[in-house]
Amino acid sequence: FTNYAMGWFRQAQGREREFVAAISRS
């Protein structure tokens, strides 16, 4: 798990996937 930066994305109906937030490995 600690090898990865983690992110949240979202996709609304009829829309493209978009970035919400991310956090570094530490």
mmCIF file of all heavy atoms, coordinates in Angstrom:
data_MODEL
# 
_entry.id   MODEL 
# 
loop_
_atom_site.group_PDB 
_atom_site.id 
_atom_site.type_symbol 
_atom_site.label_atom_id 
_atom_site.label_alt_id 
_atom_site.label_comp_id 
_atom_site.label_asym_id 
_atom_site.label_entity_id 
_atom_site.label_seq_id 
_atom_site.pdbx_PDB_ins_code 
_atom_site.Cartn_x 
_atom_site.Cartn_y 
_atom_site.Cartn_z 
_atom_site.occupancy 
_atom_site.B_iso_or_equiv 
_atom_site.pdbx_formal_charge 
_atom_site.auth_seq_id 
_atom_site.auth_comp_id 
_atom_site.auth_asym_id 
_atom_site.auth_atom_id 
_atom_site.pdbx_PDB_model_num 
ATOM 1   N N   . PHE A 1 1  ? 0.816   -1.206 0.000   1.00 0.00 ? 1  PHE A N   1 
ATOM 2   C CA  . PHE A 1 1  ? 0.000   0.000  0.000   1.00 0.00 ? 1  PHE A CA  1 
ATOM 3   C C   . PHE A 1 1  ? 0.856   1.266  0.000   1.00 0.00 ? 1  PHE A C   1 
ATOM 4   O O   . PHE A 1 1  ? 0.547   2.237  -0.703  1.00 0.00 ? 1  PHE A O   1 
ATOM 5   C CB  . PHE A 1 1  ? -0.945  -0.019 1.199   1.00 0.00 ? 1  PHE A CB  1 
ATOM 6   C CG  . PHE A 1 1  ? -1.841  1.184  1.306   1.00 0.00 ? 1  PHE A CG  1 
ATOM 7   C CD1 . PHE A 1 1  ? -2.809  1.437  0.348   1.00 0.00 ? 1  PHE A CD1 1 
ATOM 8   C CD2 . PHE A 1 1  ? -1.727  2.065  2.376   1.00 0.00 ? 1  PHE A CD2 1 
ATOM 9   C CE1 . PHE A 1 1  ? -3.646  2.537  0.446   1.00 0.00 ? 1  PHE A CE1 1 
ATOM 10  C CE2 . PHE A 1 1  ? -2.563  3.164  2.487   1.00 0.00 ? 1  PHE A CE2 1 
ATOM 11  C CZ  . PHE A 1 1  ? -3.521  3.396  1.523   1.00 0.00 ? 1  PHE A CZ  1 
ATOM 12  N N   . THR A 1 2  ? 1.935   1.275  0.772   1.00 0.00 ? 2  THR A N   1 
ATOM 13  C CA  . THR A 1 2  ? 2.756   2.473  0.895   1.00 0.00 ? 2  THR A CA  1 
ATOM 14  C C   . THR A 1 2  ? 3.593   2.756  -0.345  1.00 0.00 ? 2  THR A C   1 
ATOM 15  O O   . THR A 1 2  ? 4.245   3.798  -0.416  1.00 0.00 ? 2  THR A O   1 
ATOM 16  C CB  . THR A 1 2  ? 3.678   2.387  2.123   1.00 0.00 ? 2  THR A CB  1 
ATOM 17  O OG1 . THR A 1 2  ? 4.486   1.210  2.045   1.00 0.00 ? 2  THR A OG1 1 
ATOM 18  C CG2 . THR A 1 2  ? 2.854   2.354  3.403   1.00 0.00 ? 2  THR A CG2 1 
ATOM 19  N N   . ASN A 1 3  ? 3.594   1.860  -1.334  1.00 0.00 ? 3  ASN A N   1 
ATOM 20  C CA  . ASN A 1 3  ? 4.285   2.108  -2.593  1.00 0.00 ? 3  ASN A CA  1 
ATOM 21  C C   . ASN A 1 3  ? 3.514   3.057  -3.500  1.00 0.00 ? 3  ASN A C   1 
ATOM 22  O O   . ASN A 1 3  ? 4.058   3.515  -4.508  1.00 0.00 ? 3  ASN A O   1 
ATOM 23  C CB  . ASN A 1 3  ? 4.530   0.801  -3.352  1.00 0.00 ? 3  ASN A CB  1 
ATOM 24  C CG  . ASN A 1 3  ? 5.594   -0.067 -2.714  1.00 0.00 ? 3  ASN A CG  1 
ATOM 25  O OD1 . ASN A 1 3  ? 6.327   0.374  -1.830  1.00 0.00 ? 3  ASN A OD1 1 
ATOM 26  N ND2 . ASN A 1 3  ? 5.677   -1.307 -3.157  1.00 0.00 ? 3  ASN A ND2 1 
ATOM 27  N N   . TYR A 1 4  ? 2.249   3.345  -3.176  1.00 0.00 ? 4  TYR A N   1 
ATOM 28  C CA  . TYR A 1 4  ? 1.359   4.059  -4.073  1.00 0.00 ? 4  TYR A CA  1 
ATOM 29  C C   . TYR A 1 4  ? 0.910   5.397  -3.512  1.00 0.00 ? 4  TYR A C   1 
ATOM 30  O O   . TYR A 1 4  ? 0.524   5.503  -2.342  1.00 0.00 ? 4  TYR A O   1 
ATOM 31  C CB  . TYR A 1 4  ? 0.105   3.229  -4.372  1.00 0.00 ? 4  TYR A CB  1 
ATOM 32  C CG  . TYR A 1 4  ? 0.378   1.916  -5.062  1.00 0.00 ? 4  TYR A CG  1 
ATOM 33  C CD1 . TYR A 1 4  ? 0.576   0.762  -4.327  1.00 0.00 ? 4  TYR A CD1 1 
ATOM 34  C CD2 . TYR A 1 4  ? 0.421   1.844  -6.447  1.00 0.00 ? 4  TYR A CD2 1 
ATOM 35  C CE1 . TYR A 1 4  ? 0.825   -0.445 -4.954  1.00 0.00 ? 4  TYR A CE1 1 
ATOM 36  C CE2 . TYR A 1 4  ? 0.668   0.636  -7.079  1.00 0.00 ? 4  TYR A CE2 1 
ATOM 37  C CZ  . TYR A 1 4  ? 0.869   -0.503 -6.327  1.00 0.00 ? 4  TYR A CZ  1 
ATOM 38  O OH  . TYR A 1 4  ? 1.111   -1.694 -6.958  1.00 0.00 ? 4  TYR A OH  1 
ATOM 39  N N   . ALA A 1 5  ? 0.937   6.423  -4.370  1.00 0.00 ? 5  ALA A N   1 
ATOM 40  C CA  . ALA A 1 5  ? 0.106   7.587  -4.130  1.00 0.00 ? 5  ALA A CA  1 
ATOM 41  C C   . ALA A 1 5  ? -1.347  7.177  -4.381  1.00 0.00 ? 5  ALA A C   1 
ATOM 42  O O   . ALA A 1 5  ? -1.617  6.334  -5.237  1.00 0.00 ? 5  ALA A O   1 
ATOM 43  C CB  . ALA A 1 5  ? 0.500   8.735  -5.053  1.00 0.00 ? 5  ALA A CB  1 
ATOM 44  N N   . MET A 1 6  ? -2.279  7.758  -3.631  1.00 0.00 ? 6  MET A N   1 
ATOM 45  C CA  . MET A 1 6  ? -3.681  7.380  -3.733  1.00 0.00 ? 6  MET A CA  1 
ATOM 46  C C   . MET A 1 6  ? -4.521  8.577  -4.164  1.00 0.00 ? 6  MET A C   1 
ATOM 47  O O   . MET A 1 6  ? -4.264  9.711  -3.755  1.00 0.00 ? 6  MET A O   1 
ATOM 48  C CB  . MET A 1 6  ? -4.199  6.845  -2.403  1.00 0.00 ? 6  MET A CB  1 
ATOM 49  C CG  . MET A 1 6  ? -3.467  5.603  -1.897  1.00 0.00 ? 6  MET A CG  1 
ATOM 50  S SD  . MET A 1 6  ? -3.650  4.175  -3.003  1.00 0.00 ? 6  MET A SD  1 
ATOM 51  C CE  . MET A 1 6  ? -5.427  3.932  -2.942  1.00 0.00 ? 6  MET A CE  1 
ATOM 52  N N   . GLY A 1 7  ? -5.540  8.299  -4.971  1.00 0.00 ? 7  GLY A N   1 
ATOM 53  C CA  . GLY A 1 7  ? -6.402  9.364  -5.445  1.00 0.00 ? 7  GLY A CA  1 
ATOM 54  C C   . GLY A 1 7  ? -7.863  8.982  -5.437  1.00 0.00 ? 7  GLY A C   1 
ATOM 55  O O   . GLY A 1 7  ? -8.220  7.802  -5.381  1.00 0.00 ? 7  GLY A O   1 
ATOM 56  N N   . TRP A 1 8  ? -8.712  10.001 -5.456  1.00 0.00 ? 8  TRP A N   1 
ATOM 57  C CA  . TRP A 1 8  ? -10.150 9.843  -5.641  1.00 0.00 ? 8  TRP A CA  1 
ATOM 58  C C   . TRP A 1 8  ? -10.553 10.544 -6.931  1.00 0.00 ? 8  TRP A C   1 
ATOM 59  O O   . TRP A 1 8  ? -10.156 11.691 -7.184  1.00 0.00 ? 8  TRP A O   1 
ATOM 60  C CB  . TRP A 1 8  ? -10.947 10.434 -4.472  1.00 0.00 ? 8  TRP A CB  1 
ATOM 61  C CG  . TRP A 1 8  ? -10.876 9.627  -3.213  1.00 0.00 ? 8  TRP A CG  1 
ATOM 62  C CD1 . TRP A 1 8  ? -10.030 9.803  -2.167  1.00 0.00 ? 8  TRP A CD1 1 
ATOM 63  C CD2 . TRP A 1 8  ? -11.715 8.510  -2.880  1.00 0.00 ? 8  TRP A CD2 1 
ATOM 64  N NE1 . TRP A 1 8  ? -10.286 8.864  -1.186  1.00 0.00 ? 8  TRP A NE1 1 
ATOM 65  C CE2 . TRP A 1 8  ? -11.313 8.061  -1.606  1.00 0.00 ? 8  TRP A CE2 1 
ATOM 66  C CE3 . TRP A 1 8  ? -12.761 7.854  -3.525  1.00 0.00 ? 8  TRP A CE3 1 
ATOM 67  C CZ2 . TRP A 1 8  ? -11.921 6.978  -0.965  1.00 0.00 ? 8  TRP A CZ2 1 
ATOM 68  C CZ3 . TRP A 1 8  ? -13.360 6.783  -2.891  1.00 0.00 ? 8  TRP A CZ3 1 
ATOM 69  C CH2 . TRP A 1 8  ? -12.939 6.353  -1.629  1.00 0.00 ? 8  TRP A CH2 1 
ATOM 70  N N   . PHE A 1 9  ? -11.332 9.847  -7.746  1.00 0.00 ? 9  PHE A N   1 
ATOM 71  C CA  . PHE A 1 9  ? -11.905 10.386 -8.972  1.00 0.00 ? 9  PHE A CA  1 
ATOM 72  C C   . PHE A 1 9  ? -13.413 10.203 -8.925  1.00 0.00 ? 9  PHE A C   1 
ATOM 73  O O   . PHE A 1 9  ? -13.930 9.423  -8.124  1.00 0.00 ? 9  PHE A O   1 
ATOM 74  C CB  . PHE A 1 9  ? -11.329 9.678  -10.204 1.00 0.00 ? 9  PHE A CB  1 
ATOM 75  C CG  . PHE A 1 9  ? -9.878  9.959  -10.455 1.00 0.00 ? 9  PHE A CG  1 
ATOM 76  C CD1 . PHE A 1 9  ? -8.892  9.357  -9.690  1.00 0.00 ? 9  PHE A CD1 1 
ATOM 77  C CD2 . PHE A 1 9  ? -9.495  10.828 -11.461 1.00 0.00 ? 9  PHE A CD2 1 
ATOM 78  C CE1 . PHE A 1 9  ? -7.551  9.612  -9.917  1.00 0.00 ? 9  PHE A CE1 1 
ATOM 79  C CE2 . PHE A 1 9  ? -8.157  11.089 -11.707 1.00 0.00 ? 9  PHE A CE2 1 
ATOM 80  C CZ  . PHE A 1 9  ? -7.184  10.483 -10.935 1.00 0.00 ? 9  PHE A CZ  1 
ATOM 81  N N   . ARG A 1 10 ? -14.116 10.905 -9.795  1.00 0.00 ? 10 ARG A N   1 
ATOM 82  C CA  . ARG A 1 10 ? -15.560 10.724 -9.876  1.00 0.00 ? 10 ARG A CA  1 
ATOM 83  C C   . ARG A 1 10 ? -16.012 10.809 -11.325 1.00 0.00 ? 10 ARG A C   1 
ATOM 84  O O   . ARG A 1 10 ? -15.365 11.432 -12.160 1.00 0.00 ? 10 ARG A O   1 
ATOM 85  C CB  . ARG A 1 10 ? -16.307 11.751 -9.023  1.00 0.00 ? 10 ARG A CB  1 
ATOM 86  C CG  . ARG A 1 10 ? -16.268 13.178 -9.549  1.00 0.00 ? 10 ARG A CG  1 
ATOM 87  C CD  . ARG A 1 10 ? -16.904 14.123 -8.548  1.00 0.00 ? 10 ARG A CD  1 
ATOM 88  N NE  . ARG A 1 10 ? -17.078 15.465 -9.085  1.00 0.00 ? 10 ARG A NE  1 
ATOM 89  C CZ  . ARG A 1 10 ? -17.490 16.500 -8.370  1.00 0.00 ? 10 ARG A CZ  1 
ATOM 90  N NH1 . ARG A 1 10 ? -17.788 16.357 -7.079  1.00 0.00 ? 10 ARG A NH1 1 
ATOM 91  N NH2 . ARG A 1 10 ? -17.619 17.697 -8.949  1.00 0.00 ? 10 ARG A NH2 1 
ATOM 92  N N   . GLN A 1 11 ? -17.145 10.160 -11.602 1.00 0.00 ? 11 GLN A N   1 
ATOM 93  C CA  . GLN A 1 11 ? -17.717 10.190 -12.939 1.00 0.00 ? 11 GLN A CA  1 
ATOM 94  C C   . GLN A 1 11 ? -19.227 10.287 -12.833 1.00 0.00 ? 11 GLN A C   1 
ATOM 95  O O   . GLN A 1 11 ? -19.886 9.376  -12.331 1.00 0.00 ? 11 GLN A O   1 
ATOM 96  C CB  . GLN A 1 11 ? -17.320 8.947  -13.739 1.00 0.00 ? 11 GLN A CB  1 
ATOM 97  C CG  . GLN A 1 11 ? -17.746 8.999  -15.197 1.00 0.00 ? 11 GLN A CG  1 
ATOM 98  C CD  . GLN A 1 11 ? -17.050 7.946  -16.045 1.00 0.00 ? 11 GLN A CD  1 
ATOM 99  O OE1 . GLN A 1 11 ? -16.520 6.968  -15.531 1.00 0.00 ? 11 GLN A OE1 1 
ATOM 100 N NE2 . GLN A 1 11 ? -17.038 8.157  -17.349 1.00 0.00 ? 11 GLN A NE2 1 
ATOM 101 N N   . ALA A 1 12 ? -19.767 11.403 -13.292 1.00 0.00 ? 12 ALA A N   1 
ATOM 102 C CA  . ALA A 1 12 ? -21.209 11.604 -13.347 1.00 0.00 ? 12 ALA A CA  1 
ATOM 103 C C   . ALA A 1 12 ? -21.751 11.049 -14.652 1.00 0.00 ? 12 ALA A C   1 
ATOM 104 O O   . ALA A 1 12 ? -21.033 10.938 -15.648 1.00 0.00 ? 12 ALA A O   1 
ATOM 105 C CB  . ALA A 1 12 ? -21.539 13.085 -13.211 1.00 0.00 ? 12 ALA A CB  1 
ATOM 106 N N   . GLN A 1 13 ? -23.037 10.710 -14.663 1.00 0.00 ? 13 GLN A N   1 
ATOM 107 C CA  . GLN A 1 13 ? -23.659 10.160 -15.857 1.00 0.00 ? 13 GLN A CA  1 
ATOM 108 C C   . GLN A 1 13 ? -23.526 11.131 -17.017 1.00 0.00 ? 13 GLN A C   1 
ATOM 109 O O   . GLN A 1 13 ? -23.861 12.311 -16.892 1.00 0.00 ? 13 GLN A O   1 
ATOM 110 C CB  . GLN A 1 13 ? -25.126 9.841  -15.591 1.00 0.00 ? 13 GLN A CB  1 
ATOM 111 C CG  . GLN A 1 13 ? -25.821 9.140  -16.744 1.00 0.00 ? 13 GLN A CG  1 
ATOM 112 C CD  . GLN A 1 13 ? -27.230 8.709  -16.403 1.00 0.00 ? 13 GLN A CD  1 
ATOM 113 O OE1 . GLN A 1 13 ? -27.773 9.085  -15.361 1.00 0.00 ? 13 GLN A OE1 1 
ATOM 114 N NE2 . GLN A 1 13 ? -27.838 7.929  -17.271 1.00 0.00 ? 13 GLN A NE2 1 
ATOM 115 N N   . GLY A 1 14 ? -23.024 10.639 -18.140 1.00 0.00 ? 14 GLY A N   1 
ATOM 116 C CA  . GLY A 1 14 ? -22.854 11.457 -19.322 1.00 0.00 ? 14 GLY A CA  1 
ATOM 117 C C   . GLY A 1 14 ? -21.639 12.351 -19.305 1.00 0.00 ? 14 GLY A C   1 
ATOM 118 O O   . GLY A 1 14 ? -21.450 13.143 -20.239 1.00 0.00 ? 14 GLY A O   1 
ATOM 119 N N   . ARG A 1 15 ? -20.802 12.244 -18.273 1.00 0.00 ? 15 ARG A N   1 
ATOM 120 C CA  . ARG A 1 15 ? -19.611 13.073 -18.155 1.00 0.00 ? 15 ARG A CA  1 
ATOM 121 C C   . ARG A 1 15 ? -18.361 12.195 -18.130 1.00 0.00 ? 15 ARG A C   1 
ATOM 122 O O   . ARG A 1 15 ? -18.423 10.997 -17.871 1.00 0.00 ? 15 ARG A O   1 
ATOM 123 C CB  . ARG A 1 15 ? -19.656 13.919 -16.876 1.00 0.00 ? 15 ARG A CB  1 
ATOM 124 C CG  . ARG A 1 15 ? -20.961 14.660 -16.650 1.00 0.00 ? 15 ARG A CG  1 
ATOM 125 C CD  . ARG A 1 15 ? -21.162 15.764 -17.670 1.00 0.00 ? 15 ARG A CD  1 
ATOM 126 N NE  . ARG A 1 15 ? -20.196 16.843 -17.495 1.00 0.00 ? 15 ARG A NE  1 
ATOM 127 C CZ  . ARG A 1 15 ? -20.200 17.980 -18.182 1.00 0.00 ? 15 ARG A CZ  1 
ATOM 128 N NH1 . ARG A 1 15 ? -21.119 18.180 -19.108 1.00 0.00 ? 15 ARG A NH1 1 
ATOM 129 N NH2 . ARG A 1 15 ? -19.289 18.909 -17.950 1.00 0.00 ? 15 ARG A NH2 1 
ATOM 130 N N   . GLU A 1 16 ? -17.214 12.800 -18.394 1.00 0.00 ? 16 GLU A N   1 
ATOM 131 C CA  . GLU A 1 16 ? -15.945 12.085 -18.310 1.00 0.00 ? 16 GLU A CA  1 
ATOM 132 C C   . GLU A 1 16 ? -15.472 12.003 -16.867 1.00 0.00 ? 16 GLU A C   1 
ATOM 133 O O   . GLU A 1 16 ? -15.858 12.805 -16.017 1.00 0.00 ? 16 GLU A O   1 
ATOM 134 C CB  . GLU A 1 16 ? -14.885 12.765 -19.173 1.00 0.00 ? 16 GLU A CB  1 
ATOM 135 C CG  . GLU A 1 16 ? -15.158 12.698 -20.659 1.00 0.00 ? 16 GLU A CG  1 
ATOM 136 C CD  . GLU A 1 16 ? -13.999 13.201 -21.484 1.00 0.00 ? 16 GLU A CD  1 
ATOM 137 O OE1 . GLU A 1 16 ? -13.110 13.872 -20.932 1.00 0.00 ? 16 GLU A OE1 1 
ATOM 138 O OE2 . GLU A 1 16 ? -13.980 12.909 -22.696 1.00 0.00 ? 16 GLU A OE2 1 
ATOM 139 N N   . ARG A 1 17 ? -14.640 11.012 -16.595 1.00 0.00 ? 17 ARG A N   1 
ATOM 140 C CA  . ARG A 1 17 ? -14.062 10.858 -15.274 1.00 0.00 ? 17 ARG A CA  1 
ATOM 141 C C   . ARG A 1 17 ? -13.186 12.066 -14.940 1.00 0.00 ? 17 ARG A C   1 
ATOM 142 O O   . ARG A 1 17 ? -12.418 12.543 -15.776 1.00 0.00 ? 17 ARG A O   1 
ATOM 143 C CB  . ARG A 1 17 ? -13.242 9.572  -15.214 1.00 0.00 ? 17 ARG A CB  1 
ATOM 144 C CG  . ARG A 1 17 ? -12.765 9.182  -13.828 1.00 0.00 ? 17 ARG A CG  1 
ATOM 145 C CD  . ARG A 1 17 ? -12.106 7.806  -13.865 1.00 0.00 ? 17 ARG A CD  1 
ATOM 146 N NE  . ARG A 1 17 ? -13.027 6.799  -14.391 1.00 0.00 ? 17 ARG A NE  1 
ATOM 147 C CZ  . ARG A 1 17 ? -12.698 5.534  -14.593 1.00 0.00 ? 17 ARG A CZ  1 
ATOM 148 N NH1 . ARG A 1 17 ? -11.478 5.111  -14.313 1.00 0.00 ? 17 ARG A NH1 1 
ATOM 149 N NH2 . ARG A 1 17 ? -13.598 4.691  -15.080 1.00 0.00 ? 17 ARG A NH2 1 
ATOM 150 N N   . GLU A 1 18 ? -13.295 12.576 -13.712 1.00 0.00 ? 18 GLU A N   1 
ATOM 151 C CA  . GLU A 1 18 ? -12.537 13.745 -13.326 1.00 0.00 ? 18 GLU A CA  1 
ATOM 152 C C   . GLU A 1 18 ? -11.848 13.547 -11.977 1.00 0.00 ? 18 GLU A C   1 
ATOM 153 O O   . GLU A 1 18 ? -12.336 12.843 -11.100 1.00 0.00 ? 18 GLU A O   1 
ATOM 154 C CB  . GLU A 1 18 ? -13.425 14.999 -13.281 1.00 0.00 ? 18 GLU A CB  1 
ATOM 155 C CG  . GLU A 1 18 ? -14.566 14.949 -12.285 1.00 0.00 ? 18 GLU A CG  1 
ATOM 156 C CD  . GLU A 1 18 ? -15.449 16.180 -12.350 1.00 0.00 ? 18 GLU A CD  1 
ATOM 157 O OE1 . GLU A 1 18 ? -15.133 17.122 -13.109 1.00 0.00 ? 18 GLU A OE1 1 
ATOM 158 O OE2 . GLU A 1 18 ? -16.466 16.214 -11.630 1.00 0.00 ? 18 GLU A OE2 1 
ATOM 159 N N   . PHE A 1 19 ? -10.720 14.205 -11.835 1.00 0.00 ? 19 PHE A N   1 
ATOM 160 C CA  . PHE A 1 19 ? -9.919  14.146 -10.624 1.00 0.00 ? 19 PHE A CA  1 
ATOM 161 C C   . PHE A 1 19 ? -10.591 14.894 -9.488  1.00 0.00 ? 19 PHE A C   1 
ATOM 162 O O   . PHE A 1 19 ? -11.145 15.975 -9.687  1.00 0.00 ? 19 PHE A O   1 
ATOM 163 C CB  . PHE A 1 19 ? -8.539  14.748 -10.907 1.00 0.00 ? 19 PHE A CB  1 
ATOM 164 C CG  . PHE A 1 19 ? -7.682  14.956 -9.701  1.00 0.00 ? 19 PHE A CG  1 
ATOM 165 C CD1 . PHE A 1 19 ? -7.000  13.901 -9.121  1.00 0.00 ? 19 PHE A CD1 1 
ATOM 166 C CD2 . PHE A 1 19 ? -7.540  16.215 -9.144  1.00 0.00 ? 19 PHE A CD2 1 
ATOM 167 C CE1 . PHE A 1 19 ? -6.195  14.086 -8.014  1.00 0.00 ? 19 PHE A CE1 1 
ATOM 168 C CE2 . PHE A 1 19 ? -6.735  16.418 -8.039  1.00 0.00 ? 19 PHE A CE2 1 
ATOM 169 C CZ  . PHE A 1 19 ? -6.064  15.344 -7.473  1.00 0.00 ? 19 PHE A CZ  1 
ATOM 170 N N   . VAL A 1 20 ? -10.537 14.330 -8.280  1.00 0.00 ? 20 VAL A N   1 
ATOM 171 C CA  . VAL A 1 20 ? -11.098 14.964 -7.094  1.00 0.00 ? 20 VAL A CA  1 
ATOM 172 C C   . VAL A 1 20 ? -10.004 15.348 -6.107  1.00 0.00 ? 20 VAL A C   1 
ATOM 173 O O   . VAL A 1 20 ? -9.893  16.502 -5.705  1.00 0.00 ? 20 VAL A O   1 
ATOM 174 C CB  . VAL A 1 20 ? -12.137 14.058 -6.401  1.00 0.00 ? 20 VAL A CB  1 
ATOM 175 C CG1 . VAL A 1 20 ? -12.643 14.707 -5.117  1.00 0.00 ? 20 VAL A CG1 1 
ATOM 176 C CG2 . VAL A 1 20 ? -13.289 13.753 -7.344  1.00 0.00 ? 20 VAL A CG2 1 
ATOM 177 N N   . ALA A 1 21 ? -9.185  14.374 -5.702  1.00 0.00 ? 21 ALA A N   1 
ATOM 178 C CA  . ALA A 1 21 ? -8.151  14.621 -4.699  1.00 0.00 ? 21 ALA A CA  1 
ATOM 179 C C   . ALA A 1 21 ? -7.127  13.501 -4.740  1.00 0.00 ? 21 ALA A C   1 
ATOM 180 O O   . ALA A 1 21 ? -7.413  12.395 -5.204  1.00 0.00 ? 21 ALA A O   1 
ATOM 181 C CB  . ALA A 1 21 ? -8.754  14.724 -3.293  1.00 0.00 ? 21 ALA A CB  1 
ATOM 182 N N   . ALA A 1 22 ? -5.919  13.774 -4.241  1.00 0.00 ? 22 ALA A N   1 
ATOM 183 C CA  . ALA A 1 22 ? -4.872  12.762 -4.165  1.00 0.00 ? 22 ALA A CA  1 
ATOM 184 C C   . ALA A 1 22 ? -3.988  13.024 -2.964  1.00 0.00 ? 22 ALA A C   1 
ATOM 185 O O   . ALA A 1 22 ? -3.935  14.146 -2.447  1.00 0.00 ? 22 ALA A O   1 
ATOM 186 C CB  . ALA A 1 22 ? -4.030  12.741 -5.449  1.00 0.00 ? 22 ALA A CB  1 
ATOM 187 N N   . ILE A 1 23 ? -3.277  11.982 -2.532  1.00 0.00 ? 23 ILE A N   1 
ATOM 188 C CA  . ILE A 1 23 ? -2.403  12.075 -1.375  1.00 0.00 ? 23 ILE A CA  1 
ATOM 189 C C   . ILE A 1 23 ? -1.138  11.274 -1.638  1.00 0.00 ? 23 ILE A C   1 
ATOM 190 O O   . ILE A 1 23 ? -1.171  10.217 -2.272  1.00 0.00 ? 23 ILE A O   1 
ATOM 191 C CB  . ILE A 1 23 ? -3.135  11.593 -0.098  1.00 0.00 ? 23 ILE A CB  1 
ATOM 192 C CG1 . ILE A 1 23 ? -2.326  11.898 1.162   1.00 0.00 ? 23 ILE A CG1 1 
ATOM 193 C CG2 . ILE A 1 23 ? -3.484  10.108 -0.198  1.00 0.00 ? 23 ILE A CG2 1 
ATOM 194 C CD1 . ILE A 1 23 ? -3.156  11.768 2.436   1.00 0.00 ? 23 ILE A CD1 1 
ATOM 195 N N   . SER A 1 24 ? -0.007  11.782 -1.156  1.00 0.00 ? 24 SER A N   1 
ATOM 196 C CA  . SER A 1 24 ? 1.278   11.140 -1.389  1.00 0.00 ? 24 SER A CA  1 
ATOM 197 C C   . SER A 1 24 ? 1.407   9.851  -0.597  1.00 0.00 ? 24 SER A C   1 
ATOM 198 O O   . SER A 1 24 ? 0.584   9.533  0.263   1.00 0.00 ? 24 SER A O   1 
ATOM 199 C CB  . SER A 1 24 ? 2.413   12.101 -1.029  1.00 0.00 ? 24 SER A CB  1 
ATOM 200 O OG  . SER A 1 24 ? 2.421   12.369 0.362   1.00 0.00 ? 24 SER A OG  1 
ATOM 201 N N   . ARG A 1 25 ? 2.470   9.098  -0.885  1.00 0.00 ? 25 ARG A N   1 
ATOM 202 C CA  . ARG A 1 25 ? 2.674   7.806  -0.235  1.00 0.00 ? 25 ARG A CA  1 
ATOM 203 C C   . ARG A 1 25 ? 2.781   7.925  1.279   1.00 0.00 ? 25 ARG A C   1 
ATOM 204 O O   . ARG A 1 25 ? 2.262   7.073  2.009   1.00 0.00 ? 25 ARG A O   1 
ATOM 205 C CB  . ARG A 1 25 ? 3.913   7.122  -0.817  1.00 0.00 ? 25 ARG A CB  1 
ATOM 206 C CG  . ARG A 1 25 ? 3.737   6.604  -2.241  1.00 0.00 ? 25 ARG A CG  1 
ATOM 207 C CD  . ARG A 1 25 ? 5.052   6.159  -2.835  1.00 0.00 ? 25 ARG A CD  1 
ATOM 208 N NE  . ARG A 1 25 ? 5.914   7.299  -3.121  1.00 0.00 ? 25 ARG A NE  1 
ATOM 209 C CZ  . ARG A 1 25 ? 7.115   7.210  -3.671  1.00 0.00 ? 25 ARG A CZ  1 
ATOM 210 N NH1 . ARG A 1 25 ? 7.606   6.016  -4.003  1.00 0.00 ? 25 ARG A NH1 1 
ATOM 211 N NH2 . ARG A 1 25 ? 7.829   8.301  -3.889  1.00 0.00 ? 25 ARG A NH2 1 
ATOM 212 N N   . SER A 1 26 ? 3.422   8.974  1.753   1.00 0.00 ? 26 SER A N   1 
ATOM 213 C CA  . SER A 1 26 ? 3.579   9.179  3.183   1.00 0.00 ? 26 SER A CA  1 
ATOM 214 C C   . SER A 1 26 ? 2.382   9.887  3.815   1.00 0.00 ? 26 SER A C   1 
ATOM 215 O O   . SER A 1 26 ? 2.222   9.851  5.037   1.00 0.00 ? 26 SER A O   1 
ATOM 216 C CB  . SER A 1 26 ? 4.831   9.995  3.465   1.00 0.00 ? 26 SER A CB  1 
ATOM 217 O OG  . SER A 1 26 ? 4.678   11.329 3.017   1.00 0.00 ? 26 SER A OG  1 
# 
